[in-house]
C-alpha atoms as a PDB file:
ATOM      1  CA  MET A   1      44.886  70.533 184.164  1.00  0.00           C
ATOM      2  CA  GLN A   2      47.786  68.492 184.808  1.00  0.00           C
ATOM      3  CA  GLY A   3      48.253  65.444 182.449  1.00  0.00           C
ATOM      4  CA  PHE A   4      45.566  67.009 180.043  1.00  0.00           C
ATOM      5  CA  GLY A   5      46.855  66.458 176.382  1.00  0.00           C
ATOM      6  CA  PRO A   6      45.398  66.671 172.795  1.00  0.00           C
ATOM      7  CA  ALA A   7      43.844  63.255 172.947  1.00  0.00           C
ATOM      8  CA  THR A   8      42.642  63.295 176.529  1.00  0.00           C
ATOM      9  CA  TYR A   9      39.019  64.567 175.889  1.00  0.00           C
ATOM     10  CA  GLY A  10      38.378  62.322 172.865  1.00  0.00           C
ATOM     11  CA  ASP A  11      39.862  59.139 174.625  1.00  0.00           C
ATOM     12  CA  GLY A  12      37.815  59.861 177.742  1.00  0.00           C
ATOM     13  CA  PHE A  13      34.384  60.373 175.975  1.00  0.00           C
ATOM     14  CA  ALA A  14      34.696  58.268 172.763  1.00  0.00           C
ATOM     15  CA  ASP A  15      32.579  55.336 174.241  1.00  0.00           C
ATOM     16  CA  VAL A  16      29.607  57.698 175.461  1.00  0.00           C
ATOM     17  CA  TYR A  17      29.874  60.564 172.931  1.00  0.00           C
ATOM     18  CA  ASP A  18      27.136  59.743 170.592  1.00  0.00           C
ATOM     19  CA  HIS A  19      24.761  58.569 173.468  1.00  0.00           C
ATOM     20  CA  TRP A  20      25.554  61.652 175.509  1.00  0.00           C
ATOM     21  CA  TYR A  21      26.059  64.540 172.733  1.00  0.00           C
ATOM     22  CA  GLY A  22      24.498  62.806 169.499  1.00  0.00           C
ATOM     23  CA  SER A  23      21.682  65.604 169.356  1.00  0.00           C
ATOM     24  CA  ILE A  24      23.954  68.538 169.996  1.00  0.00           C
ATOM     25  CA  THR A  25      24.275  70.613 166.842  1.00  0.00           C
ATOM     26  CA  ASP A  26      21.846  70.197 163.970  1.00  0.00           C
ATOM     27  CA  ALA A  27      24.135  67.912 161.627  1.00  0.00           C
ATOM     28  CA  ASP A  28      21.987  68.294 158.619  1.00  0.00           C
ATOM     29  CA  ALA A  29      21.739  72.170 158.886  1.00  0.00           C
ATOM     30  CA  THR A  30      25.524  72.188 159.341  1.00  0.00           C
ATOM     31  CA  ALA A  31      26.248  70.389 156.073  1.00  0.00           C
ATOM     32  CA  ARG A  32      23.841  72.493 154.189  1.00  0.00           C
ATOM     33  CA  PHE A  33      25.559  75.629 155.614  1.00  0.00           C
ATOM     34  CA  VAL A  34      29.050  74.167 154.605  1.00  0.00           C
ATOM     35  CA  ALA A  35      28.038  72.851 151.230  1.00  0.00           C
ATOM     36  CA  ASP A  36      26.521  76.371 150.293  1.00  0.00           C
ATOM     37  CA  ARG A  37      29.993  78.060 151.008  1.00  0.00           C
ATOM     38  CA  SER A  38      32.583  75.533 150.239  1.00  0.00           C
ATOM     39  CA  ALA A  39      35.122  76.162 147.286  1.00  0.00           C
ATOM     40  CA  PRO A  40      36.241  73.211 145.167  1.00  0.00           C
ATOM     41  CA  GLY A  41      38.288  70.741 147.048  1.00  0.00           C
ATOM     42  CA  PRO A  42      37.923  68.477 150.080  1.00  0.00           C
ATOM     43  CA  VAL A  43      36.371  69.685 153.274  1.00  0.00           C
ATOM     44  CA  LEU A  44      38.428  69.127 156.278  1.00  0.00           C
ATOM     45  CA  GLU A  45      36.602  68.399 159.434  1.00  0.00           C
ATOM     46  CA  LEU A  46      38.829  69.498 162.429  1.00  0.00           C
ATOM     47  CA  GLY A  47      38.041  67.244 165.486  1.00  0.00           C
ATOM     48  CA  VAL A  48      35.970  64.827 163.441  1.00  0.00           C
ATOM     49  CA  GLY A  49      35.385  62.693 166.746  1.00  0.00           C
ATOM     50  CA  SER A  50      32.936  59.862 166.083  1.00  0.00           C
ATOM     51  CA  GLY A  51      31.890  61.187 162.744  1.00  0.00           C
ATOM     52  CA  ARG A  52      28.661  62.430 163.584  1.00  0.00           C
ATOM     53  CA  ILE A  53      28.503  65.095 161.044  1.00  0.00           C
ATOM     54  CA  VAL A  54      30.276  63.197 158.166  1.00  0.00           C
ATOM     55  CA  GLY A  55      27.371  61.533 156.846  1.00  0.00           C
ATOM     56  CA  PRO A  56      25.107  64.736 156.248  1.00  0.00           C
ATOM     57  CA  LEU A  57      28.324  66.306 154.891  1.00  0.00           C
ATOM     58  CA  ARG A  58      29.000  63.452 152.350  1.00  0.00           C
ATOM     59  CA  GLN A  59      25.010  63.399 151.595  1.00  0.00           C
ATOM     60  CA  ALA A  60      25.558  67.283 150.721  1.00  0.00           C
ATOM     61  CA  GLY A  61      28.050  66.092 147.805  1.00  0.00           C
ATOM     62  CA  LEU A  62      31.109  66.944 149.751  1.00  0.00           C
ATOM     63  CA  ASP A  63      34.405  65.102 149.777  1.00  0.00           C
ATOM     64  CA  VAL A  64      35.217  64.911 153.642  1.00  0.00           C
ATOM     65  CA  VAL A  65      38.654  64.356 155.466  1.00  0.00           C
ATOM     66  CA  GLY A  66      38.550  63.981 159.188  1.00  0.00           C
ATOM     67  CA  ILE A  67      41.265  64.780 161.662  1.00  0.00           C
ATOM     68  CA  ASP A  68      41.320  64.206 165.340  1.00  0.00           C
ATOM     69  CA  ALA A  69      44.021  63.671 167.843  1.00  0.00           C
ATOM     70  CA  SER A  70      42.079  60.818 169.665  1.00  0.00           C
ATOM     71  CA  GLY A  71      42.758  57.296 168.435  1.00  0.00           C
ATOM     72  CA  ALA A  72      39.560  56.106 170.456  1.00  0.00           C
ATOM     73  CA  MET A  73      37.440  58.643 168.479  1.00  0.00           C
ATOM     74  CA  LEU A  74      38.958  57.681 165.193  1.00  0.00           C
ATOM     75  CA  VAL A  75      38.167  54.060 165.969  1.00  0.00           C
ATOM     76  CA  GLU A  76      34.477  55.045 166.461  1.00  0.00           C
ATOM     77  CA  CYS A  77      34.363  57.351 163.294  1.00  0.00           C
ATOM     78  CA  ARG A  78      36.013  54.497 161.151  1.00  0.00           C
ATOM     79  CA  ARG A  79      33.214  52.001 162.431  1.00  0.00           C
ATOM     80  CA  ARG A  80      30.853  54.479 161.207  1.00  0.00           C
ATOM     81  CA  HIS A  81      32.403  55.480 158.157  1.00  0.00           C
ATOM     82  CA  PRO A  82      34.813  52.643 156.878  1.00  0.00           C
ATOM     83  CA  ASP A  83      35.866  54.387 153.474  1.00  0.00           C
ATOM     84  CA  LEU A  84      36.597  57.991 155.101  1.00  0.00           C
ATOM     85  CA  PRO A  85      40.040  59.496 154.759  1.00  0.00           C
ATOM     86  CA  LEU A  86      41.218  60.075 158.398  1.00  0.00           C
ATOM     87  CA  VAL A  87      44.256  61.664 159.796  1.00  0.00           C
ATOM     88  CA  ARG A  88      45.283  61.449 163.482  1.00  0.00           C
ATOM     89  CA  GLY A  89      47.146  64.556 164.637  1.00  0.00           C
ATOM     90  CA  ASP A  90      47.148  67.328 167.120  1.00  0.00           C
ATOM     91  CA  LEU A  91      44.949  70.335 165.691  1.00  0.00           C
ATOM     92  CA  ALA A  92      47.675  72.670 166.888  1.00  0.00           C
ATOM     93  CA  HIS A  93      49.975  71.060 164.362  1.00  0.00           C
ATOM     94  CA  LEU A  94      47.884  70.183 161.412  1.00  0.00           C
ATOM     95  CA  PRO A  95      49.648  67.739 158.975  1.00  0.00           C
ATOM     96  CA  VAL A  96      47.519  68.942 156.062  1.00  0.00           C
ATOM     97  CA  HIS A  97      48.394  70.600 152.713  1.00  0.00           C
ATOM     98  CA  GLY A  98      45.810  72.489 150.447  1.00  0.00           C
ATOM     99  CA  PRO A  99      44.076  73.562 148.612  1.00  0.00           C
ATOM    100  CA  ILE A 100      41.028  72.698 150.664  1.00  0.00           C
ATOM    101  CA  GLY A 101      37.511  73.923 149.828  1.00  0.00           C
ATOM    102  CA  ALA A 102      36.476  74.428 153.589  1.00  0.00           C
ATOM    103  CA  ALA A 103      37.504  73.646 157.003  1.00  0.00           C
ATOM    104  CA  LEU A 104      34.812  72.964 159.496  1.00  0.00           C
ATOM    105  CA  CYS A 105      35.374  73.348 163.415  1.00  0.00           C
ATOM    106  CA  ALA A 106      32.097  72.386 164.894  1.00  0.00           C
ATOM    107  CA  PHE A 107      30.621  72.650 168.428  1.00  0.00           C
ATOM    108  CA  ASN A 108      33.446  74.389 170.481  1.00  0.00           C
ATOM    109  CA  THR A 109      36.073  72.119 168.953  1.00  0.00           C
ATOM    110  CA  LEU A 110      38.529  75.050 168.690  1.00  0.00           C
ATOM    111  CA  PHE A 111      38.363  75.582 172.448  1.00  0.00           C
ATOM    112  CA  ASN A 112      39.646  72.174 173.068  1.00  0.00           C
ATOM    113  CA  LEU A 113      42.966  73.640 172.294  1.00  0.00           C
ATOM    114  CA  PRO A 114      43.756  74.918 175.776  1.00  0.00           C
ATOM    115  CA  THR A 115      45.776  78.098 174.903  1.00  0.00           C
ATOM    116  CA  LEU A 116      45.336  81.103 172.685  1.00  0.00           C
ATOM    117  CA  GLN A 117      48.659  80.385 171.117  1.00  0.00           C
ATOM    118  CA  GLN A 118      47.630  76.867 170.081  1.00  0.00           C
ATOM    119  CA  GLN A 119      44.419  78.240 168.650  1.00  0.00           C
ATOM    120  CA  ARG A 120      46.316  80.736 166.582  1.00  0.00           C
ATOM    121  CA  GLN A 121      48.471  77.998 165.293  1.00  0.00           C
ATOM    122  CA  LEU A 122      45.372  76.080 164.001  1.00  0.00           C
ATOM    123  CA  LEU A 123      44.021  79.160 162.197  1.00  0.00           C
ATOM    124  CA  ALA A 124      47.406  79.956 160.689  1.00  0.00           C
ATOM    125  CA  VAL A 125      47.925  76.447 159.379  1.00  0.00           C
ATOM    126  CA  THR A 126      44.213  76.099 158.066  1.00  0.00           C
ATOM    127  CA  ALA A 127      44.377  79.561 156.332  1.00  0.00           C
ATOM    128  CA  ALA A 128      47.618  78.491 154.431  1.00  0.00           C
ATOM    129  CA  ALA A 129      45.810  75.280 153.241  1.00  0.00           C
ATOM    130  CA  LEU A 130      42.462  76.927 152.189  1.00  0.00           C
ATOM    131  CA  HIS A 131      41.551  77.372 148.487  1.00  0.00           C
ATOM    132  CA  ALA A 132      41.653  81.019 147.357  1.00  0.00           C
ATOM    133  CA  GLU A 133      37.898  80.928 147.719  1.00  0.00           C
ATOM    134  CA  GLY A 134      37.734  78.556 150.590  1.00  0.00           C
ATOM    135  CA  VAL A 135      36.311  79.093 153.965  1.00  0.00           C
ATOM    136  CA  LEU A 136      36.886  78.294 157.686  1.00  0.00           C
ATOM    137  CA  ILE A 137      33.613  77.799 159.498  1.00  0.00           C
ATOM    138  CA  ILE A 138      33.753  77.858 163.327  1.00  0.00           C
ATOM    139  CA  GLU A 139      30.876  77.051 165.664  1.00  0.00           C
ATOM    140  CA  ALA A 140      31.512  78.177 169.325  1.00  0.00           C
ATOM    141  CA  MET A 141      30.064  79.723 172.243  1.00  0.00           C
ATOM    142  CA  THR A 142      30.757  83.388 172.947  1.00  0.00           C
ATOM    143  CA  GLY A 143      31.897  82.756 176.601  1.00  0.00           C
ATOM    144  CA  ARG A 144      29.508  85.687 177.754  1.00  0.00           C
ATOM    145  CA  GLY A 145      27.688  83.213 180.330  1.00  0.00           C
ATOM    146  CA  LEU A 146      30.979  82.108 181.693  1.00  0.00           C
ATOM    147  CA  GLU A 147      32.559  85.539 182.100  1.00  0.00           C
ATOM    148  CA  LEU A 148      29.949  86.463 184.951  1.00  0.00           C
ATOM    149  CA  GLY A 149      29.430  82.837 186.214  1.00  0.00           C
ATOM    150  CA  PRO A 150      30.755  81.109 189.378  1.00  0.00           C
ATOM    151  CA  THR A 151      34.410  79.864 189.653  1.00  0.00           C
ATOM    152  CA  SER A 152      33.327  76.323 190.423  1.00  0.00           C
ATOM    153  CA  SER A 153      30.371  74.040 190.643  1.00  0.00           C
ATOM    154  CA  ILE A 154      29.397  70.529 191.427  1.00  0.00           C
ATOM    155  CA  GLY A 155      26.170  68.756 190.270  1.00  0.00           C
ATOM    156  CA  VAL A 156      24.348  65.971 188.801  1.00  0.00           C
ATOM    157  CA  SER A 157      24.812  65.586 185.021  1.00  0.00           C
ATOM    158  CA  LYS A 158      22.863  62.291 184.407  1.00  0.00           C
ATOM    159  CA  MET A 159      20.976  59.853 186.669  1.00  0.00           C
ATOM    160  CA  THR A 160      19.344  56.533 185.808  1.00  0.00           C
ATOM    161  CA  THR A 161      18.651  53.409 187.592  1.00  0.00           C
ATOM    162  CA  ASP A 162      21.972  51.943 187.050  1.00  0.00           C
ATOM    163  CA  ARG A 163      24.225  55.243 186.395  1.00  0.00           C
ATOM    164  CA  LEU A 164      25.064  58.375 188.133  1.00  0.00           C
ATOM    165  CA  VAL A 165      27.137  60.997 186.543  1.00  0.00           C
ATOM    166  CA  LEU A 166      28.410  63.927 188.531  1.00  0.00           C
ATOM    167  CA  SER A 167      30.072  67.037 186.915  1.00  0.00           C
ATOM    168  CA  ALA A 168      32.555  69.264 188.582  1.00  0.00           C
ATOM    169  CA  THR A 169      33.966  72.379 186.889  1.00  0.00           C
ATOM    170  CA  VAL A 170      36.392  75.170 187.689  1.00  0.00           C
ATOM    171  CA  VAL A 171      36.388  78.394 185.880  1.00  0.00           C
ATOM    172  CA  ASP A 172      39.456  80.680 185.653  1.00  0.00           C
ATOM    173  CA  HIS A 173      37.835  84.095 184.317  1.00  0.00           C
ATOM    174  CA  ASP A 174      41.255  85.632 183.745  1.00  0.00           C
ATOM    175  CA  ALA A 175      42.804  82.823 181.761  1.00  0.00           C
ATOM    176  CA  GLN A 176      39.257  82.094 180.176  1.00  0.00           C
ATOM    177  CA  THR A 177      39.511  78.507 180.726  1.00  0.00           C
ATOM    178  CA  ILE A 178      37.036  75.990 182.329  1.00  0.00           C
ATOM    179  CA  GLN A 179      38.201  72.678 183.474  1.00  0.00           C
ATOM    180  CA  GLY A 180      35.900  69.684 184.434  1.00  0.00           C
ATOM    181  CA  GLN A 181      35.446  66.094 185.364  1.00  0.00           C
ATOM    182  CA  HIS A 182      32.534  63.950 184.635  1.00  0.00           C
ATOM    183  CA  VAL A 183      32.616  61.232 187.375  1.00  0.00           C
ATOM    184  CA  ASP A 184      30.891  58.274 185.890  1.00  0.00           C
ATOM    185  CA  LEU A 185      29.415  55.827 188.365  1.00  0.00           C
ATOM    186  CA  THR A 186      27.761  52.579 187.050  1.00  0.00           C
ATOM    187  CA  GLU A 187      26.874  49.147 188.814  1.00  0.00           C
ATOM    188  CA  SER A 188      28.712  47.252 186.229  1.00  0.00           C
ATOM    189  CA  GLY A 189      31.883  49.274 185.408  1.00  0.00           C
ATOM    190  CA  GLY A 190      32.508  51.108 188.639  1.00  0.00           C
ATOM    191  CA  VAL A 191      34.087  54.632 188.574  1.00  0.00           C
ATOM    192  CA  LYS A 192      35.386  56.118 185.231  1.00  0.00           C
ATOM    193  CA  LEU A 193      36.728  59.803 185.081  1.00  0.00           C
ATOM    194  CA  ARG A 194      36.097  61.655 182.014  1.00  0.00           C
ATOM    195  CA  PRO A 195      38.113  65.050 182.214  1.00  0.00           C
ATOM    196  CA  TRP A 196      37.702  67.976 179.769  1.00  0.00           C
ATOM    197  CA  MET A 197      39.106  71.473 179.412  1.00  0.00           C
ATOM    198  CA  LEU A 198      38.250  74.560 177.229  1.00  0.00           C
ATOM    199  CA  ARG A 199      39.917  77.794 176.790  1.00  0.00           C
ATOM    200  CA  TRP A 200      37.086  80.083 175.439  1.00  0.00           C
ATOM    201  CA  THR A 201      37.976  82.934 172.979  1.00  0.00           C
ATOM    202  CA  THR A 202      35.370  85.625 172.529  1.00  0.00           C
ATOM    203  CA  PRO A 203      34.275  86.440 168.939  1.00  0.00           C
ATOM    204  CA  GLU A 204      36.191  89.728 168.967  1.00  0.00           C
ATOM    205  CA  GLU A 205      39.396  87.972 169.931  1.00  0.00           C
ATOM    206  CA  LEU A 206      38.750  85.278 167.407  1.00  0.00           C
ATOM    207  CA  ASP A 207      38.369  87.793 164.605  1.00  0.00           C
ATOM    208  CA  ASP A 208      41.807  89.305 165.765  1.00  0.00           C
ATOM    209  CA  VAL A 209      43.405  85.810 165.606  1.00  0.00           C
ATOM    210  CA  ALA A 210      41.958  85.219 162.191  1.00  0.00           C
ATOM    211  CA  SER A 211      43.113  88.529 160.956  1.00  0.00           C
ATOM    212  CA  ASP A 212      46.555  87.720 162.105  1.00  0.00           C
ATOM    213  CA  ALA A 213      46.428  84.400 160.045  1.00  0.00           C
ATOM    214  CA  GLY A 214      45.252  86.221 156.818  1.00  0.00           C
ATOM    215  CA  LEU A 215      41.585  85.633 157.232  1.00  0.00           C
ATOM    216  CA  ARG A 216      38.693  87.946 157.288  1.00  0.00           C
ATOM    217  CA  LEU A 217      35.163  87.432 158.708  1.00  0.00           C
ATOM    218  CA  ALA A 218      32.796  87.195 156.120  1.00  0.00           C
ATOM    219  CA  GLU A 219      29.555  86.138 157.853  1.00  0.00           C
ATOM    220  CA  ARG A 220      28.430  85.561 161.366  1.00  0.00           C
ATOM    221  CA  PHE A 221      25.288  84.051 162.810  1.00  0.00           C
ATOM    222  CA  GLU A 222      23.919  82.823 165.914  1.00  0.00           C
ATOM    223  CA  GLY A 223      23.404  79.369 164.553  1.00  0.00           C
ATOM    224  CA  TRP A 224      23.297  76.985 161.549  1.00  0.00           C
ATOM    225  CA  HIS A 225      19.911  78.214 160.372  1.00  0.00           C
ATOM    226  CA  GLY A 226      21.087  81.864 159.747  1.00  0.00           C
ATOM    227  CA  GLU A 227      19.598  83.255 163.006  1.00  0.00           C
ATOM    228  CA  PRO A 228      20.879  86.845 163.516  1.00  0.00           C
ATOM    229  CA  TYR A 229      23.825  87.234 165.770  1.00  0.00           C
ATOM    230  CA  THR A 230      23.476  89.950 168.330  1.00  0.00           C
ATOM    231  CA  GLU A 231      25.531  91.124 171.381  1.00  0.00           C
ATOM    232  CA  GLU A 232      23.054  88.861 173.498  1.00  0.00           C
ATOM    233  CA  SER A 233      24.002  85.653 171.765  1.00  0.00           C
ATOM    234  CA  ASP A 234      25.463  82.933 173.560  1.00  0.00           C
ATOM    235  CA  THR A 235      26.577  80.905 170.486  1.00  0.00           C
ATOM    236  CA  HIS A 236      27.963  82.088 167.067  1.00  0.00           C
ATOM    237  CA  VAL A 237      28.691  80.376 163.605  1.00  0.00           C
ATOM    238  CA  SER A 238      31.549  82.535 161.918  1.00  0.00           C
ATOM    239  CA  VAL A 239      32.651  82.219 158.346  1.00  0.00           C
ATOM    240  CA  TYR A 240      36.213  83.238 157.563  1.00  0.00           C
ATOM    241  CA  ARG A 241      37.711  83.740 154.128  1.00  0.00           C
ATOM    242  CA  PRO A 242      41.210  84.566 152.870  1.00  0.00           C
ATOM    243  CA  SER A 243      41.965  88.246 153.088  1.00  0.00           C
ATOM    244  CA  VAL A 244      43.371  88.506 149.498  1.00  0.00           C
END
């Protein structure tokens, strides 16, 4: 998508993210899952966004550092967590040093990096910063539903008496990308475009990328509650540890 950069998604959705997506992912279960596996050291949340998961992570006894490319998202996060250490930066070029006890990449955040090479860079830098017993935890879709789906769609995403949100998507099966626009129409605010873009990477591809970065797959589940992962799963939570 022409003009789409590291901060585009966050800047476009920061003002509505919690309202629209606040119930996505079980934040408490996520925090328990991370706390059970983290090594000594801070937990780095990659793509901290509005800080929705930070509270449960801290309640689980973890020291959290948030990183995000979007200034607008970091403003929302700072409002919610005034004392949280925050870093503004492109996830493909992480300005971090270790050792960190865990890195968390929740709810398709990895796929906001629109190329496989950028995703490789993220895993490589993260692996280098991990504690010897640390973990990288990634929550993502498998992409199976998109592989066989239509190449484009237009529909109604949300509708109330004073707001209509239309959603348009374009899927490139070969490039494994999905691009979209939420066209947000309100009586008071007029028209606002909220663009987004994902490059999905299958679990098998992700394992290869992790291996190249010096990480090995330690665990994989369908979700945060330890549901068994199968070939039919649409989502996965994967835990990677340093290979040596």
